[in-house]
Amino acid sequence: MQKKLIYFVLVFLLTIPFFLYSQERQIPIDSTNNIFIVDIELEKLLNLFPEINGFNEAKLFQKTDSSYILEIIYYERNNLMRKQLNYSQSQLNSLRKKIAFQLAHNNIKLNLNQDGRVYLITGTTLLSIYYGISLASISNANANVSGAIDLFTIGAGFFVPFYLTKNIEVTYGMSNLAVGSGAVGLGIGYCLNDLAHISFELNDQYILPTLTSVSGILGGYYYAKENKITEGKANAIVDMSLLGAPYLAGISYTLIGDNMTNNQISGSFLLGSMGGALLGNTLSNKYDYAPGDAEVFSTSTLLATAETAALLAVLKTQDAQTAVGIMVLGATFGGLRGNYLVSDVNFSDAQGNYLALGALGGGLIGTGISLIAFQHSNDNDVRFIPLIVTLAAELGFDITYNSIVKSNMFKESNSTGKLDFNFNPLALTNNVRETNKYLQNQIPFFNISYQW
């Protein structure tokens, strides 16, 4: 039975990639990876599509390594139209050269995006608490000097990135991937410590985690900058890296059992973290993850794992190897469900937090119910408490999800109603009336439309 379960888990995991279908993903139109959307104002400056009357906006999507789709949205007779043009690599290169020439010729400077600067500096300051402890321990100085080194390092964790990022781009994608990679780097460093047989009782234990964490911050920032990583993609890489470590360790234990060595455990965590980051990068490319999608994926995965563990407790499963294998299977289903949920809805950061808090709130209510219901129960009945808690957490998650989806549908129905009309009094002014004489698509005083 145990071997059959292991084989089933392996076969199931190997078939997961076949569930992942490819989709076009949006990429920057320019060669410097700064322009994702050409709007009306930018088109006036760049004059990229003079043949398109009534231009509204343009986006670029990548189908394969060398084929692209340029999507142009424009107005024709007061109706919003969409036009898709197939572009080869050479055509895209020509378009990007034209954009670069127009930007340089007209001395156009794009606005500097520093939305993620606060998050980056906050993250480096918090990580510097560990760096301070690390440097103080490695120095082997007396208590006062060690305390000073610790405080100096924490202070530098704020001031150094504060001044280094004063006049450079720091998007949410850059900050989230940098801080997340720095946090993951601490765990990677301790795995390397174990593989290198560095004792946790020595001060040398701090060296590798500090180096891997700082490297993670720098590498995460520059990787995100070079590849124009979005906030959603950065969150997916970090979250799935964190989930991948225990996931692969669980698979390894299912296959090896109690004979796993410390090196095998650390190696599983290390490879799982790397594999999770790769999976996050792949999924976010295929499904265009929004900022809150990764948190929805993670919450769904953790919730399904907890529900599986609670069910095992009810069934009194004694074999640890079998139990871990079933929990891995539960996590897999939870991940697939999470990816399915985010494929239809683009979750914001706030909505992702709401779902996590909804699951937590449901679990707390389930715990309260259990305390009242089982206050006079025997030890045999206590095993049902985790199941009640996790089911209540699932209910909280589902209620919150349905509320968010209905709210999004309500906004969409209000913003794209069947009947739409618009008044434009400026169309009666002399300047616009004179302009209308030369325009194919004239500016109307009143228009009305109805969607069938």
Foldseek 3Di string as FASTA:
>chain_A
DLVVLLVVLVVVVVCVVVVFDFDWFWFALAPQRPHAKCAPVNCVQLVLCVVDAQWGMWGKTDDDPFKIWIWTWGDDLNDIDIDIDIDGNVRSVVSNVSNVCSCVVVVPDDDAAAPCLVLQLVLLLVLLLLVLQLVLQVVPDDPVVSVVSNVVSSVCSRPVSCVVCVPHHDALQLRLQLSLQLVVLLLLLQLVCVLVVPDPVHSCSSVRSNVRNNCRNVVSNVVCSRRVGHLQLSLQLSLQLQVQQVLQLLSVCLVVPPVDDSNNSSVSNNVRSVVRNVVSNVLCNRQVAANLLNLLLNLLLVLQLLLLLLVCLLVVDDRPSSSSSSSSVSSVVSNVVSSVLRSVPHDHNVLSVQLNVLLVVQLVVLLVVCCVVCVPPDPSVVSNSSNSSSVSSVVSNVVSSVVVVVVVVVVVCVVDPFKDKDADCCCPDPVLVVVQVVGPNHDDRMDIGGDD
